[in-house]
Protein backbone atom coordinates (compact mmCIF):
# COMPACT_ATOMS: atom_id res chain seq x y z
CA UNK A 1 33.96 52.25 6.20
CA UNK A 2 34.68 48.99 7.98
CA UNK A 3 31.73 46.67 8.48
CA UNK A 4 31.68 43.54 10.57
CA UNK A 5 28.69 41.55 11.71
CA UNK A 6 30.52 40.84 14.93
CA UNK A 7 32.05 43.81 16.75
CA UNK A 8 33.78 43.53 20.12
CA UNK A 9 32.41 46.91 21.28
CA UNK A 10 28.85 45.84 20.57
CA UNK A 11 29.46 42.52 22.28
CA UNK A 12 30.61 44.36 25.40
CA UNK A 13 27.52 46.56 25.39
CA UNK A 14 25.30 43.52 24.91
CA UNK A 15 26.94 41.75 27.86
CA UNK A 16 26.35 44.82 30.03
CA UNK A 17 22.72 44.94 28.86
CA UNK A 18 22.23 41.25 29.73
CA UNK A 19 23.66 41.79 33.22
CA UNK A 20 21.42 44.83 33.81
CA UNK A 21 18.33 43.03 32.54
CA UNK A 22 19.03 40.01 34.74
CA UNK A 23 19.55 42.30 37.74
CA UNK A 24 16.15 43.87 37.06
CA UNK A 25 14.54 40.45 36.77
CA UNK A 26 13.87 40.67 33.04
CA UNK A 27 14.87 37.16 32.02
CA UNK A 28 13.26 36.83 28.57
CA UNK A 29 14.89 39.92 26.98
CA UNK A 30 18.23 38.90 28.50
CA UNK A 31 17.94 35.41 27.00
CA UNK A 32 17.03 36.84 23.58
CA UNK A 33 20.06 39.17 23.61
CA UNK A 34 22.28 36.31 24.75
CA UNK A 35 21.06 34.07 21.91
CA UNK A 36 21.66 36.87 19.39
CA UNK A 37 25.21 37.30 20.71
CA UNK A 38 25.88 33.58 20.32
CA UNK A 39 24.47 33.62 16.78
CA UNK A 40 26.68 36.59 15.84
CA UNK A 41 29.80 34.84 17.13
CA UNK A 42 28.96 31.62 15.26
CA UNK A 43 28.21 33.46 12.01
CA UNK A 44 31.40 35.53 12.33
CA UNK A 45 33.54 32.41 12.75
CA UNK A 46 32.01 30.85 9.65
CA UNK A 47 32.35 34.00 7.52
CA UNK A 48 35.63 33.91 5.57
CA UNK A 49 35.98 37.67 5.18
CA UNK A 50 34.63 39.10 8.43
CA UNK A 51 35.56 42.73 8.93
CA UNK A 52 36.12 43.44 5.26
CA UNK A 53 36.04 47.00 3.94
CA UNK A 54 32.97 48.03 1.97
């Protein structure tokens, strides 16, 4: 099973969720999801073996 903290499919779903939340006027949840996405990207770049097989 392949495990990666950062997954492009999940990033796409999170971006869609942020857009929907902003369209509905829910700013705080959208900001929280956006910050989590940024944290995942930063952690993935720093991780030497991202996407390794368990």
